[in-house]
Amino acid sequence: MRARSRAADGHKRAAIAALLRAEDDLAAADVGDEDPSRVWFFQRASLAPETARTLWTLGDCDGALREFNNSVLTRKAGTFSRTHAVALGCMGTVQARKGNVEAACHTWAQALDAMEGVQSGRAREAAVNVRRVLSSFRSRGISVAAEIGERAGAVLERGA
């Protein structure tokens, strides 16, 4: 069991190093430069949410928020609505965990808007997570939190 855990940790560290190396390579590139060959399959909009999730997993909420924001700003929301919605859902969760419930609700509202017409397990999971996270804020009487919780419920009812 310990050997498997150490192997998983090694794979996790290697994945993190690869993501951060790719992010550094892209950040160093100038407009018009070709992407480095080892990251040919990534564009900044695709790399940002993966980097954000990695940073979030490592406990770097500020870095995760920065990268989720990069994803939201660079992704073509109309073309990649599912991924856009999921990134916004994650971003809202990080904001809520940092104690900024109103910002989280604003972000989740955008995520729920982006889920319109999307049929996806990941989008559904994001809506379920919105309701789960908001459950801890119900007793605080934050009206926007109740509204977003209801909207997430409606998304789940129509089958995101």
Foldseek 3Di string as FASTA:
>chain_A
DVVVVVVVVVVLVVVLVVLVVQVVQVVPDDPPDQRPPVQNVDDLLRSLQVNLVSCVVVVNLVSSLVSLVSNLVPDPCVVPLQVNLLSLLVNLLSCVVVPNNVVSLVSNVVSLVSCVVPADPSSLVSLVVLLVSLVVVVVVPDVSSVVSNVSSVVSVVVHD
